[in-house]
Protein backbone atom coordinates (compact mmCIF):
# COMPACT_ATOMS: atom_id res chain seq x y z
CA MET A 1 0.00 0.00 0.00
CA SER A 2 3.04 2.23 -0.38
CA ASP A 3 1.43 3.96 -3.36
CA VAL A 4 -1.73 4.89 -1.48
CA LEU A 5 -0.38 8.32 -0.60
CA THR A 6 0.41 9.70 -4.01
CA GLN A 7 2.30 12.74 -5.26
CA HIS A 8 3.83 13.88 -1.99
CA VAL A 9 5.96 16.97 -2.39
CA ASN A 10 9.66 16.17 -2.70
CA ARG A 11 12.58 18.00 -1.16
CA ARG A 12 13.66 19.76 -4.34
CA GLN A 13 10.15 21.15 -4.88
CA PHE A 14 10.04 22.40 -1.31
CA LEU A 15 13.49 23.99 -1.42
CA THR A 16 12.68 25.74 -4.69
CA MET A 17 9.38 27.03 -3.31
CA GLY A 18 10.91 27.93 0.04
CA LEU A 19 13.64 30.03 -1.58
CA ALA A 20 11.07 31.75 -3.76
CA ALA A 21 8.94 32.50 -0.73
CA ALA A 22 11.91 33.80 1.24
CA GLY A 23 12.57 36.23 -1.57
CA GLY A 24 9.14 37.76 -1.16
CA VAL A 25 8.60 36.78 2.28
CA LEU A 26 -29.23 23.67 6.42
CA THR A 27 -29.76 20.72 4.48
CA LEU A 28 -30.93 21.47 0.98
CA GLN A 29 -32.76 19.30 -1.48
CA PRO A 30 -30.45 17.52 -3.95
CA ARG A 31 -29.33 19.59 -6.90
CA LYS A 32 -27.97 17.03 -9.29
CA LEU A 33 -24.93 17.84 -11.40
CA LEU A 34 -26.42 15.85 -14.24
CA SER A 35 -24.99 17.95 -17.04
CA ALA A 36 -21.41 17.32 -15.92
CA THR A 37 -19.27 15.01 -17.99
CA HIS A 38 -16.48 12.80 -16.71
CA THR A 39 -13.89 15.43 -17.56
CA ASP A 40 -15.45 18.19 -15.44
CA PHE A 41 -17.03 16.11 -12.68
CA THR A 42 -15.44 13.95 -10.03
CA ARG A 43 -16.89 11.86 -7.22
CA TRP A 44 -14.94 11.13 -4.03
CA ALA A 45 -15.49 9.68 -0.57
CA PHE A 46 -14.44 11.85 2.39
CA LEU A 47 -13.89 10.32 5.84
CA SER A 48 -12.39 11.43 9.13
CA ASP A 49 -11.63 10.10 12.60
CA THR A 50 -11.85 6.39 11.94
CA HIS A 51 -10.04 5.68 15.24
CA ILE A 52 -9.08 2.08 14.50
CA HIS A 53 -7.58 0.16 17.42
CA ALA A 54 -5.06 -2.69 17.33
CA ASP A 55 -7.87 -4.90 18.66
CA PRO A 56 -10.66 -5.22 16.06
CA LYS A 57 -13.15 -5.86 18.88
CA HIS A 58 -12.28 -2.63 20.68
CA GLN A 59 -15.33 -0.63 21.79
CA PHE A 60 -15.47 3.06 22.73
CA LEU A 61 -18.52 5.08 23.76
CA GLY A 62 -20.66 2.18 22.59
CA PHE A 63 -19.17 2.12 19.08
CA PHE A 64 -17.11 -0.59 17.42
CA THR A 65 -14.86 1.52 15.21
CA TYR A 66 -13.48 -1.43 13.25
CA GLU A 67 -17.00 -2.46 12.29
CA ASN A 68 -17.96 1.12 11.39
CA LEU A 69 -15.06 1.40 8.94
CA ARG A 70 -15.86 -2.02 7.50
CA LYS A 71 -19.48 -0.92 6.87
CA THR A 72 -18.24 2.32 5.35
CA VAL A 73 -15.87 0.56 2.97
CA ASP A 74 -18.67 -1.81 1.94
CA GLN A 75 -20.94 1.15 1.17
CA ILE A 76 -18.27 2.98 -0.78
CA GLY A 77 -17.45 -0.17 -2.74
CA GLU A 78 -21.05 -0.58 -3.90
CA LYS A 79 -20.53 2.36 -6.24
CA MET A 80 -16.79 2.95 -6.31
CA PRO A 81 -15.82 6.64 -6.36
CA GLU A 82 -12.74 7.98 -8.09
CA GLY A 83 -10.84 8.16 -4.82
CA LEU A 84 -10.97 8.52 -1.06
CA VAL A 85 -9.62 11.03 1.47
CA ILE A 86 -9.34 10.54 5.24
CA THR A 87 -8.56 13.69 7.23
CA GLY A 88 -6.67 12.15 10.10
CA ASP A 89 -7.08 10.23 13.34
CA LEU A 90 -6.93 6.93 11.54
CA ALA A 91 -5.86 5.33 14.79
CA ARG A 92 -7.25 5.27 18.31
CA SER A 93 -5.31 7.02 21.09
CA ARG A 94 -1.62 7.24 20.06
CA GLY A 95 -1.47 5.27 16.82
CA GLY A 96 0.68 2.20 16.32
CA ALA A 97 1.77 -0.37 13.75
CA ASP A 98 -0.97 -2.87 14.62
CA ALA A 99 -3.70 -0.24 14.33
CA TYR A 100 -2.41 0.86 10.93
CA ASP A 101 -2.23 -2.74 9.77
CA ASN A 102 -5.94 -2.99 10.54
CA VAL A 103 -6.62 0.26 8.67
CA LYS A 104 -4.76 -1.01 5.61
CA ALA A 105 -6.62 -4.32 5.69
CA LEU A 106 -9.99 -2.58 5.92
CA LEU A 107 -9.18 -0.14 3.11
CA ALA A 108 -7.73 -2.79 0.82
CA PRO A 109 -10.90 -3.28 -1.30
CA ILE A 110 -10.68 0.40 -2.23
CA SER A 111 -6.91 0.91 -2.33
CA GLN A 112 -6.56 -1.94 -4.81
CA GLU A 113 -8.70 0.00 -7.28
CA ARG A 114 -8.56 3.69 -6.38
CA PRO A 115 -6.16 6.26 -4.90
CA ILE A 116 -6.46 6.95 -1.18
CA HIS A 117 -5.02 10.14 0.33
CA LEU A 118 -4.46 10.32 4.07
CA ALA A 119 -3.83 13.24 6.43
CA ILE A 120 -2.34 12.96 9.89
CA GLY A 121 -4.42 13.69 13.01
CA ASN A 122 -3.60 14.25 16.65
CA HIS A 123 -4.16 10.55 17.46
CA ASP A 124 -1.73 9.44 14.77
CA ASP A 125 1.91 8.76 15.46
CA ARG A 126 3.64 10.35 12.49
CA GLU A 127 6.57 7.92 12.28
CA SER A 128 4.38 4.82 12.54
CA PHE A 129 1.85 6.34 10.13
CA LEU A 130 4.44 7.12 7.48
CA THR A 131 6.20 3.80 7.84
CA ALA A 132 2.89 1.98 7.44
CA PHE A 133 1.58 3.91 4.46
CA THR A 134 4.68 5.11 2.61
CA GLY A 135 7.32 2.60 3.67
CA SER A 136 9.52 5.28 5.23
CA ALA A 137 9.42 7.60 8.24
CA ASP A 138 10.76 10.40 6.01
CA THR A 139 8.05 12.99 5.30
CA GLY A 140 9.60 13.61 1.89
CA THR A 141 8.76 17.32 2.04
CA GLY A 142 11.89 18.94 3.40
CA ILE A 143 9.76 20.30 6.23
CA LYS A 144 10.64 18.75 9.57
CA ASP A 145 7.75 16.73 11.02
CA LYS A 146 5.24 17.75 8.34
CA TYR A 147 3.78 15.53 5.64
CA ILE A 148 2.07 17.15 2.63
CA THR A 149 0.19 15.47 -0.20
CA THR A 150 -1.15 17.00 -3.41
CA ALA A 151 -3.36 15.41 -6.03
CA MET A 152 -5.50 16.31 -9.01
CA ALA A 153 -9.09 15.10 -8.89
CA GLY A 154 -10.69 15.89 -12.23
CA PRO A 155 -11.44 19.63 -12.20
CA ILE A 156 -10.24 20.03 -8.59
CA ARG A 157 -6.82 20.26 -6.98
CA MET A 158 -6.50 18.69 -3.51
CA VAL A 159 -3.86 19.72 -0.99
CA LEU A 160 -3.52 17.67 2.22
CA LEU A 161 -1.73 19.46 5.03
CA ASP A 162 -0.27 18.26 8.32
CA THR A 163 -1.62 19.90 11.50
CA LEU A 164 -0.28 17.41 14.05
CA LEU A 165 1.46 19.22 16.91
CA TYR A 166 1.47 16.72 19.79
CA VAL A 167 0.21 13.13 19.70
CA ASN A 168 -2.90 12.53 21.81
CA MET A 169 -3.36 16.24 22.59
CA PHE A 170 -6.06 18.43 21.08
CA PRO A 171 -4.32 21.53 19.64
CA GLY A 172 -2.88 21.51 16.14
CA MET A 173 -0.65 23.78 14.09
CA LEU A 174 0.55 24.12 10.51
CA GLY A 175 3.76 25.84 11.55
CA LYS A 176 5.79 28.55 9.82
CA LEU A 177 7.56 26.40 7.25
CA GLN A 178 4.38 24.67 6.13
CA ARG A 179 2.62 28.03 5.84
CA ILE A 180 5.48 29.33 3.69
CA TRP A 181 5.20 26.22 1.54
CA LEU A 182 1.43 26.66 1.16
CA GLU A 183 1.64 30.35 0.31
CA THR A 184 4.31 29.65 -2.31
CA TYR A 185 2.52 26.63 -3.73
CA LEU A 186 -0.70 28.59 -4.19
CA ARG A 187 1.16 31.48 -5.80
CA MET A 188 3.00 29.20 -8.23
CA SER A 189 0.07 26.95 -9.16
CA ASP A 190 -2.55 27.73 -11.78
CA ASP A 191 -6.14 28.77 -11.07
CA THR A 192 -7.54 25.25 -10.75
CA PRO A 193 -10.16 25.29 -7.95
CA THR A 194 -8.40 24.03 -4.83
CA ILE A 195 -9.63 22.27 -1.70
CA LEU A 196 -7.46 22.08 1.41
CA PHE A 197 -7.66 19.04 3.69
CA PHE A 198 -6.29 18.78 7.22
CA HIS A 199 -7.33 17.38 10.56
CA HIS A 200 -7.92 20.11 13.15
CA THR A 201 -11.06 22.25 13.36
CA PRO A 202 -9.87 25.78 12.43
CA ARG A 203 -11.92 27.83 14.86
CA ALA A 204 -11.42 25.47 17.78
CA ASP A 205 -8.00 23.82 17.85
CA LEU A 206 -5.86 25.12 14.98
CA LEU A 207 -3.48 27.51 16.74
CA ASP A 208 -2.33 29.36 13.62
CA MET A 209 -5.78 29.68 12.05
CA ARG A 210 -5.45 33.47 11.63
CA ARG A 211 -2.20 33.12 9.72
CA LEU A 212 -3.74 30.42 7.54
CA PHE A 213 -6.58 32.71 6.51
CA GLU A 214 -4.15 35.52 5.78
CA ILE A 215 -2.74 33.18 3.13
CA ILE A 216 -5.87 31.63 1.67
CA SER A 217 -8.47 34.42 1.87
CA PRO A 218 -6.89 36.43 -0.97
CA ALA A 219 -6.10 33.25 -2.94
CA ARG A 220 -9.41 33.02 -4.81
CA LYS A 221 -8.53 29.57 -6.18
CA VAL A 222 -9.03 28.15 -2.65
CA LYS A 223 -12.71 27.22 -2.55
CA ALA A 224 -13.09 25.03 0.53
CA MET A 225 -11.42 23.44 3.53
CA VAL A 226 -12.30 19.93 4.67
CA PHE A 227 -11.39 18.74 8.15
CA GLY A 228 -12.54 16.58 11.07
CA HIS A 229 -11.39 16.43 14.71
CA SER A 230 -14.58 17.71 16.36
CA HIS A 231 -16.69 14.64 15.47
CA LYS A 232 -19.38 17.02 14.20
CA TYR A 233 -20.99 17.30 10.79
CA GLU A 234 -21.48 20.94 9.95
CA PHE A 235 -20.85 23.65 7.38
CA SER A 236 -19.77 27.28 7.66
CA GLN A 237 -17.99 29.96 5.62
CA VAL A 238 -15.09 32.34 6.16
CA ASP A 239 -14.42 34.97 3.49
CA GLY A 240 -16.46 32.87 1.06
CA ILE A 241 -14.34 29.77 1.70
CA HIS A 242 -16.52 26.80 2.65
CA CYS A 243 -15.53 25.09 5.89
CA ILE A 244 -16.70 21.47 5.80
CA ASN A 245 -16.45 19.62 9.10
CA LEU A 246 -16.74 15.90 8.37
CA PRO A 247 -18.53 13.53 10.74
CA ALA A 248 -16.42 10.94 12.50
CA THR A 249 -16.50 7.47 11.04
CA GLY A 250 -15.50 5.89 14.36
CA TYR A 251 -17.79 7.39 17.00
CA ASN A 252 -19.61 10.55 18.03
CA PHE A 253 -19.41 12.52 21.27
CA THR A 254 -23.11 13.46 21.41
CA GLY A 255 -26.26 11.64 20.34
CA SER A 256 -27.18 14.48 18.00
CA GLN A 257 -24.31 13.70 15.62
CA PRO A 258 -24.15 11.09 12.86
CA VAL A 259 -21.32 8.61 12.44
CA GLY A 260 -20.36 7.90 8.85
CA TRP A 261 -18.86 9.40 5.71
CA VAL A 262 -19.54 12.00 3.03
CA GLU A 263 -19.87 11.48 -0.70
CA ALA A 264 -18.52 14.51 -2.55
CA ARG A 265 -19.48 15.34 -6.12
CA LEU A 266 -17.23 18.11 -7.34
CA THR A 267 -17.04 20.39 -10.36
CA ALA A 268 -15.00 23.49 -11.04
CA HIS A 269 -17.95 25.61 -9.92
CA ALA A 270 -19.58 23.80 -7.01
CA GLY A 271 -19.65 20.84 -4.68
CA GLU A 272 -22.48 18.53 -3.68
CA PHE A 273 -22.05 16.70 -0.36
CA ILE A 274 -24.16 13.71 0.61
CA LEU A 275 -24.11 12.25 4.12
CA HIS A 276 -23.98 8.48 4.50
CA ALA A 277 -24.59 7.62 8.16
CA VAL A 278 -23.61 4.19 9.47
CA GLY A 279 -24.46 4.90 13.10
CA GLY A 280 -25.19 7.57 15.67
CA ASN A 281 -27.95 10.01 14.71
CA MET A 282 -29.36 8.63 11.46
CA ARG A 283 -31.85 11.43 10.79
CA GLN A 284 -29.58 13.26 8.34
CA HIS A 285 -28.68 10.12 6.40
CA GLY A 286 -28.96 10.81 2.68
CA THR A 287 -29.24 14.58 3.02
CA VAL A 288 -27.45 16.76 0.49
CA ARG A 289 -25.68 20.08 0.81
CA PHE A 290 -24.97 22.06 -2.38
CA LEU A 291 -22.13 24.60 -2.14
CA PRO A 292 -21.28 26.99 -4.99
CA TRP A 293 -17.61 28.01 -5.03
CA ARG A 294 -16.64 31.64 -4.60
CA ALA A 295 -15.62 33.46 -7.78
């Protein structure tokens, strides 16, 4: 599964970008995208907070996280999307090789056919995570302790960032070097609509949220941010940028929240997000949110 995390940024790319930077340093009814063709429409599965334990029978807050991810993979496989993103906290507690072995085994039916892109959460051990999914503990980015992934998804560019600060603690941070990389990357890339993915909830636990928005608010190509961490399913906006908080796939903290995954149908002009609940509050199962991108 070493090719699951594709197109990570290499050292030469980072050094080139870094030097350049230093020089200048609620629910709506479905609105189907039926007119879209394969070239301008892409369909992906978005997950977060799977919290898989080394013991497949592990239970937390009344949820069996292993079983929840198995159900989710089965659902996704019924109509295979073009890829899958998980925004961190793949593992329970502090991460570990056995937990990631279980994650890989559960994701195998998808990873054998489609790309899977993974971000690192506060319950993931970065070294174990990278060794499990890339075959090396080297982040490959030239940024100490930060792993970045980029990918094209039809008409959309995806950028997965690393907000892990301390394992098994709530706060997260991009950090100065990763912010420099992001600012430079956005400046050097074309105007393809871009979605950022990371783990921590910006307004709650991302310590350098203000500095992040100083970078992305004027970058009109950035259309949305997708994250997890809070185990809540909700939508908001900042400066026209959609903030999409994914539900947890593993477990919820309150009975009002669903447990599951989100099907994303994306074009260059809008996104359509469909909730697939596998547990928790099932009342929103199947609901659709249509989000036009800012111009």
